[in-house]
C-alpha atoms as a PDB file:
ATOM      1  CA  MET A   1     -14.830 -12.304  39.646  1.00  0.00           C
ATOM      2  CA  GLU A   2     -16.222 -12.030  36.105  1.00  0.00           C
ATOM      3  CA  VAL A   3     -14.253 -13.705  33.322  1.00  0.00           C
ATOM      4  CA  ALA A   4     -13.862 -11.512  30.234  1.00  0.00           C
ATOM      5  CA  ILE A   5     -14.937 -13.171  26.995  1.00  0.00           C
ATOM      6  CA  ILE A   6     -12.340 -12.450  24.352  1.00  0.00           C
ATOM      7  CA  ASN A   7     -13.644 -11.907  20.844  1.00  0.00           C
ATOM      8  CA  TRP A   8     -10.711 -13.553  19.085  1.00  0.00           C
ATOM      9  CA  LYS A   9     -12.236 -13.274  15.598  1.00  0.00           C
ATOM     10  CA  ALA A  10     -12.568  -9.490  15.913  1.00  0.00           C
ATOM     11  CA  ILE A  11      -9.022  -9.203  17.235  1.00  0.00           C
ATOM     12  CA  VAL A  12      -7.566 -11.323  14.413  1.00  0.00           C
ATOM     13  CA  GLU A  13      -9.610  -9.370  11.860  1.00  0.00           C
ATOM     14  CA  SER A  14      -8.176  -6.111  13.264  1.00  0.00           C
ATOM     15  CA  LEU A  15      -4.642  -7.492  13.159  1.00  0.00           C
ATOM     16  CA  LEU A  16      -5.029  -8.666   9.556  1.00  0.00           C
ATOM     17  CA  PHE A  17      -6.542  -5.333   8.529  1.00  0.00           C
ATOM     18  CA  ALA A  18      -3.662  -3.434  10.173  1.00  0.00           C
ATOM     19  CA  ALA A  19      -1.082  -5.732   8.529  1.00  0.00           C
ATOM     20  CA  GLY A  20      -2.497  -4.840   5.093  1.00  0.00           C
ATOM     21  CA  ASP A  21      -1.092  -6.592   2.049  1.00  0.00           C
ATOM     22  CA  GLU A  22       1.899  -7.857   4.015  1.00  0.00           C
ATOM     23  CA  GLY A  23      -0.403 -10.159   5.974  1.00  0.00           C
ATOM     24  CA  LEU A  24       0.519 -12.221   9.022  1.00  0.00           C
ATOM     25  CA  THR A  25       1.931 -15.697   9.415  1.00  0.00           C
ATOM     26  CA  LEU A  26       0.432 -18.222  11.815  1.00  0.00           C
ATOM     27  CA  LYS A  27       3.510 -17.837  14.008  1.00  0.00           C
ATOM     28  CA  GLU A  28       3.079 -14.042  14.156  1.00  0.00           C
ATOM     29  CA  LEU A  29      -0.559 -14.482  15.137  1.00  0.00           C
ATOM     30  CA  THR A  30       0.241 -17.015  17.867  1.00  0.00           C
ATOM     31  CA  ASN A  31       2.919 -14.687  19.266  1.00  0.00           C
ATOM     32  CA  VAL A  32       0.646 -11.632  19.346  1.00  0.00           C
ATOM     33  CA  LEU A  33      -2.388 -13.497  20.676  1.00  0.00           C
ATOM     34  CA  GLU A  34      -0.310 -15.655  23.047  1.00  0.00           C
ATOM     35  CA  VAL A  35      -2.274 -18.772  22.091  1.00  0.00           C
ATOM     36  CA  GLU A  36      -1.380 -22.214  20.775  1.00  0.00           C
ATOM     37  CA  GLU A  37      -1.051 -22.662  17.017  1.00  0.00           C
ATOM     38  CA  HIS A  38      -4.185 -24.843  16.765  1.00  0.00           C
ATOM     39  CA  VAL A  39      -6.235 -22.140  18.520  1.00  0.00           C
ATOM     40  CA  ALA A  40      -5.018 -19.468  16.072  1.00  0.00           C
ATOM     41  CA  LYS A  41      -5.772 -21.820  13.163  1.00  0.00           C
ATOM     42  CA  ASP A  42      -9.310 -22.397  14.482  1.00  0.00           C
ATOM     43  CA  ILE A  43      -9.868 -18.633  14.755  1.00  0.00           C
ATOM     44  CA  LEU A  44      -8.688 -18.154  11.165  1.00  0.00           C
ATOM     45  CA  ASP A  45     -10.989 -20.960   9.976  1.00  0.00           C
ATOM     46  CA  GLU A  46     -13.983 -19.380  11.749  1.00  0.00           C
ATOM     47  CA  LEU A  47     -13.138 -15.994  10.258  1.00  0.00           C
ATOM     48  CA  ARG A  48     -12.821 -17.516   6.768  1.00  0.00           C
ATOM     49  CA  LYS A  49     -16.243 -19.199   7.121  1.00  0.00           C
ATOM     50  CA  GLY A  50     -17.823 -15.875   8.064  1.00  0.00           C
ATOM     51  CA  TYR A  51     -16.356 -14.217   4.978  1.00  0.00           C
ATOM     52  CA  GLN A  52     -17.807 -16.898   2.680  1.00  0.00           C
ATOM     53  CA  LYS A  53     -21.275 -15.434   3.124  1.00  0.00           C
ATOM     54  CA  LYS A  54     -22.561 -13.611   0.025  1.00  0.00           C
ATOM     55  CA  GLU A  55     -23.163 -10.363   1.913  1.00  0.00           C
ATOM     56  CA  ARG A  56     -19.466 -10.068   2.808  1.00  0.00           C
ATOM     57  CA  GLY A  57     -17.195  -8.062   0.508  1.00  0.00           C
ATOM     58  CA  ILE A  58     -13.864  -9.337   1.731  1.00  0.00           C
ATOM     59  CA  THR A  59     -12.311 -12.729   2.202  1.00  0.00           C
ATOM     60  CA  LEU A  60      -9.370 -14.304   4.001  1.00  0.00           C
ATOM     61  CA  ILE A  61      -6.682 -15.884   1.874  1.00  0.00           C
ATOM     62  CA  GLU A  62      -3.449 -17.699   2.589  1.00  0.00           C
ATOM     63  CA  LEU A  63      -0.484 -17.082   0.306  1.00  0.00           C
ATOM     64  CA  ALA A  64       2.830 -18.791   1.037  1.00  0.00           C
ATOM     65  CA  GLY A  65       1.967 -19.225   4.714  1.00  0.00           C
ATOM     66  CA  THR A  66       0.809 -15.623   5.118  1.00  0.00           C
ATOM     67  CA  TYR A  67      -2.807 -14.769   5.877  1.00  0.00           C
ATOM     68  CA  GLN A  68      -4.330 -11.568   4.525  1.00  0.00           C
ATOM     69  CA  LEU A  69      -7.650  -9.911   3.926  1.00  0.00           C
ATOM     70  CA  THR A  70      -8.558  -9.194   0.315  1.00  0.00           C
ATOM     71  CA  THR A  71     -11.574  -8.160  -1.711  1.00  0.00           C
ATOM     72  CA  LYS A  72     -13.649 -10.837  -3.400  1.00  0.00           C
ATOM     73  CA  LYS A  73     -12.921 -11.494  -7.076  1.00  0.00           C
ATOM     74  CA  GLU A  74     -16.587 -11.292  -8.011  1.00  0.00           C
ATOM     75  CA  HIS A  75     -16.571  -7.586  -7.070  1.00  0.00           C
ATOM     76  CA  SER A  76     -13.621  -6.728  -9.328  1.00  0.00           C
ATOM     77  CA  VAL A  77     -15.804  -4.920 -11.887  1.00  0.00           C
ATOM     78  CA  TYR A  78     -16.887  -2.394  -9.256  1.00  0.00           C
ATOM     79  CA  LEU A  79     -13.417  -2.026  -7.769  1.00  0.00           C
ATOM     80  CA  LYS A  80     -12.039  -1.289 -11.231  1.00  0.00           C
ATOM     81  CA  LYS A  81     -14.690   1.417 -11.708  1.00  0.00           C
ATOM     82  CA  LEU A  82     -13.682   2.980  -8.398  1.00  0.00           C
ATOM     83  CA  VAL A  83     -10.024   3.125  -9.356  1.00  0.00           C
ATOM     84  CA  GLU A  84     -10.826   4.519 -12.790  1.00  0.00           C
ATOM     85  CA  SER A  85     -13.513   7.004 -11.685  1.00  0.00           C
ATOM     86  CA  PRO A  86     -12.723  10.710 -12.150  1.00  0.00           C
ATOM     87  CA  SER A  87     -13.571  11.497  -8.523  1.00  0.00           C
ATOM     88  CA  SER A  88     -10.664   9.359  -7.348  1.00  0.00           C
ATOM     89  CA  GLN A  89      -8.155  11.090  -9.598  1.00  0.00           C
ATOM     90  CA  THR A  90      -6.777  13.572  -7.059  1.00  0.00           C
ATOM     91  CA  LEU A  91      -3.824  12.585  -4.929  1.00  0.00           C
ATOM     92  CA  SER A  92      -3.261  13.447  -1.306  1.00  0.00           C
ATOM     93  CA  GLN A  93      -0.243  15.427  -0.160  1.00  0.00           C
ATOM     94  CA  ALA A  94       1.163  12.156   1.260  1.00  0.00           C
ATOM     95  CA  ALA A  95       0.822  10.437  -2.129  1.00  0.00           C
ATOM     96  CA  LEU A  96       2.434  13.394  -3.924  1.00  0.00           C
ATOM     97  CA  GLU A  97       5.368  13.422  -1.496  1.00  0.00           C
ATOM     98  CA  THR A  98       5.771   9.666  -1.848  1.00  0.00           C
ATOM     99  CA  LEU A  99       5.636   9.890  -5.647  1.00  0.00           C
ATOM    100  CA  ALA A 100       8.326  12.584  -5.708  1.00  0.00           C
ATOM    101  CA  ILE A 101      10.585  10.486  -3.463  1.00  0.00           C
ATOM    102  CA  VAL A 102      10.110   7.372  -5.606  1.00  0.00           C
ATOM    103  CA  ALA A 103      10.698   9.373  -8.810  1.00  0.00           C
ATOM    104  CA  TYR A 104      13.994  10.850  -7.615  1.00  0.00           C
ATOM    105  CA  LYS A 105      15.346   7.957  -5.543  1.00  0.00           C
ATOM    106  CA  GLN A 106      14.204   4.881  -7.479  1.00  0.00           C
ATOM    107  CA  PRO A 107      14.568   2.009  -7.022  1.00  0.00           C
ATOM    108  CA  ILE A 108      13.582   2.493  -3.391  1.00  0.00           C
ATOM    109  CA  THR A 109      11.979   0.404  -0.642  1.00  0.00           C
ATOM    110  CA  ARG A 110       8.957   1.435   1.401  1.00  0.00           C
ATOM    111  CA  THR A 111      11.173   1.642   4.500  1.00  0.00           C
ATOM    112  CA  GLU A 112      13.512   4.060   2.729  1.00  0.00           C
ATOM    113  CA  VAL A 113      10.542   6.209   1.643  1.00  0.00           C
ATOM    114  CA  GLU A 114       9.267   6.214   5.233  1.00  0.00           C
ATOM    115  CA  SER A 115      12.712   7.194   6.472  1.00  0.00           C
ATOM    116  CA  ILE A 116      12.731  10.238   4.175  1.00  0.00           C
ATOM    117  CA  ARG A 117       9.102  11.240   4.864  1.00  0.00           C
ATOM    118  CA  GLY A 118       9.271  10.438   8.563  1.00  0.00           C
ATOM    119  CA  VAL A 119       5.866   8.726   8.497  1.00  0.00           C
ATOM    120  CA  LYS A 120       4.304   5.453   7.315  1.00  0.00           C
ATOM    121  CA  SER A 121       3.963   5.307   3.549  1.00  0.00           C
ATOM    122  CA  GLU A 122       2.263   1.985   2.841  1.00  0.00           C
ATOM    123  CA  ARG A 123      -1.086   3.568   1.983  1.00  0.00           C
ATOM    124  CA  PRO A 124       0.321   6.242  -0.377  1.00  0.00           C
ATOM    125  CA  LEU A 125       2.354   3.566  -2.172  1.00  0.00           C
ATOM    126  CA  GLN A 126      -0.786   1.420  -2.559  1.00  0.00           C
ATOM    127  CA  THR A 127      -2.655   4.420  -3.979  1.00  0.00           C
ATOM    128  CA  LEU A 128       0.143   5.187  -6.425  1.00  0.00           C
ATOM    129  CA  ALA A 129       0.362   1.543  -7.498  1.00  0.00           C
ATOM    130  CA  ALA A 130      -3.431   1.412  -7.996  1.00  0.00           C
ATOM    131  CA  LYS A 131      -3.155   4.469 -10.251  1.00  0.00           C
ATOM    132  CA  ALA A 132      -0.275   2.770 -12.130  1.00  0.00           C
ATOM    133  CA  LEU A 133       2.172   5.564 -11.262  1.00  0.00           C
ATOM    134  CA  VAL A 134       4.578   3.315  -9.347  1.00  0.00           C
ATOM    135  CA  LYS A 135       5.240  -0.384  -9.578  1.00  0.00           C
ATOM    136  CA  GLU A 136       7.351  -3.126  -8.089  1.00  0.00           C
ATOM    137  CA  VAL A 137      10.659  -3.130  -9.951  1.00  0.00           C
ATOM    138  CA  GLY A 138      12.483  -5.820  -8.001  1.00  0.00           C
ATOM    139  CA  ARG A 139      13.595  -6.927  -4.577  1.00  0.00           C
ATOM    140  CA  ALA A 140      16.321  -5.495  -2.360  1.00  0.00           C
ATOM    141  CA  GLU A 141      19.229  -7.677  -1.354  1.00  0.00           C
ATOM    142  CA  GLY A 142      19.484  -8.826   2.248  1.00  0.00           C
ATOM    143  CA  THR A 143      17.108  -9.921   4.956  1.00  0.00           C
ATOM    144  CA  GLY A 144      13.446  -9.883   3.998  1.00  0.00           C
ATOM    145  CA  ARG A 145      14.164  -8.906   0.384  1.00  0.00           C
ATOM    146  CA  ALA A 146      11.984  -5.790   0.545  1.00  0.00           C
ATOM    147  CA  ILE A 147      10.049  -4.680  -2.537  1.00  0.00           C
ATOM    148  CA  LEU A 148      11.767  -2.003  -4.608  1.00  0.00           C
ATOM    149  CA  TYR A 149       9.501   0.631  -6.170  1.00  0.00           C
ATOM    150  CA  GLY A 150       9.987   2.704  -9.293  1.00  0.00           C
ATOM    151  CA  THR A 151       7.883   4.869 -11.574  1.00  0.00           C
ATOM    152  CA  THR A 152       5.940   3.583 -14.571  1.00  0.00           C
ATOM    153  CA  LYS A 153       5.487   4.531 -18.214  1.00  0.00           C
ATOM    154  CA  GLU A 154       2.162   6.125 -17.167  1.00  0.00           C
ATOM    155  CA  PHE A 155       4.080   8.412 -14.792  1.00  0.00           C
ATOM    156  CA  LEU A 156       6.308   9.538 -17.655  1.00  0.00           C
ATOM    157  CA  ASP A 157       3.267  10.039 -19.916  1.00  0.00           C
ATOM    158  CA  TYR A 158       1.485  12.228 -17.326  1.00  0.00           C
ATOM    159  CA  PHE A 159       4.458  14.550 -17.128  1.00  0.00           C
ATOM    160  CA  GLY A 160       5.381  14.440 -20.804  1.00  0.00           C
ATOM    161  CA  LEU A 161       8.785  12.927 -20.067  1.00  0.00           C
ATOM    162  CA  LYS A 162      10.623  10.606 -22.436  1.00  0.00           C
ATOM    163  CA  ASP A 163      12.854   9.342 -19.675  1.00  0.00           C
ATOM    164  CA  ILE A 164      13.185   9.679 -15.902  1.00  0.00           C
ATOM    165  CA  LYS A 165      16.416  11.629 -16.538  1.00  0.00           C
ATOM    166  CA  GLU A 166      14.239  14.514 -17.780  1.00  0.00           C
ATOM    167  CA  LEU A 167      12.972  15.196 -14.234  1.00  0.00           C
ATOM    168  CA  PRO A 168      14.023  18.674 -13.085  1.00  0.00           C
ATOM    169  CA  PRO A 169      17.253  18.473 -11.082  1.00  0.00           C
ATOM    170  CA  LEU A 170      17.031  18.697  -7.312  1.00  0.00           C
ATOM    171  CA  SER A 171      18.314  22.082  -6.207  1.00  0.00           C
ATOM    172  CA  VAL A 172      20.575  22.677  -3.223  1.00  0.00           C
ATOM    173  CA  ASN A 173      18.949  26.074  -2.685  1.00  0.00           C
ATOM    174  CA  MET A 174      15.930  25.328  -0.454  1.00  0.00           C
ATOM    175  CA  GLU A 175      13.956  28.320  -1.726  1.00  0.00           C
ATOM    176  CA  GLU A 176      14.375  27.243  -5.351  1.00  0.00           C
ATOM    177  CA  MET A 177      13.663  23.638  -4.378  1.00  0.00           C
ATOM    178  CA  ASP A 178      10.379  24.622  -2.703  1.00  0.00           C
ATOM    179  CA  GLU A 179       9.392  26.600  -5.805  1.00  0.00           C
ATOM    180  CA  GLU A 180      10.243  23.705  -8.149  1.00  0.00           C
ATOM    181  CA  ALA A 181       8.440  21.231  -5.908  1.00  0.00           C
ATOM    182  CA  ASP A 182       5.362  23.472  -5.869  1.00  0.00           C
ATOM    183  CA  LEU A 183       5.380  23.636  -9.681  1.00  0.00           C
ATOM    184  CA  PHE A 184       5.880  19.868  -9.873  1.00  0.00           C
ATOM    185  CA  PHE A 185       2.957  19.204  -7.528  1.00  0.00           C
ATOM    186  CA  GLU A 186       0.724  21.816  -9.203  1.00  0.00           C
ATOM    187  CA  LYS A 187       1.326  20.307 -12.652  1.00  0.00           C
ATOM    188  CA  PHE A 188       0.753  16.842 -11.261  1.00  0.00           C
ATOM    189  CA  GLN A 189      -2.509  17.824  -9.524  1.00  0.00           C
ATOM    190  CA  GLU A 190      -3.730  19.616 -12.687  1.00  0.00           C
ATOM    191  CA  THR A 191      -3.080  16.453 -14.686  1.00  0.00           C
ATOM    192  CA  PHE A 192      -5.299  14.451 -12.359  1.00  0.00           C
ATOM    193  CA  GLU A 193      -8.072  17.027 -12.160  1.00  0.00           C
ATOM    194  CA  SER A 194      -8.359  17.437 -15.929  1.00  0.00           C
END
């Protein structure tokens, strides 16, 4: 019988990538991998060493006991250009939906946004935060103290609003609501394409 060789580094890298900016604790890794803590720590150390090579664009960091993948600081100039480049100025339908939910329901947690949309919303929130349209405005009470999101001054500027209260009211009539939402999204998309 052939013994399968498990590529632990690749598995941990996949797990960290999937966890995104929330990262994973050592305990979470040991539970998922079903290995001892020292084994998980060794895997993380090996992964970190591999990322220290100059040809690698990401690195492994530990913040408050949570491990996460992040871009290297020395590449920040290029990452900033990417975020600011005109070609990245359009927003996906998911980002537009997420932005509308945050605008009308703020402050709101990612879980609450996902509950309304019915799908994961971590990526759209990251996109909106990178474009300075939403930001962390606090922490929710209770277990885990989830991040609360709200819109930014830049959001108000894009739509020519003095205050969030100037957003068009949500209509009970679905037909009118669809029409208003279409106008909202059209104006928003035009702003980013111009």
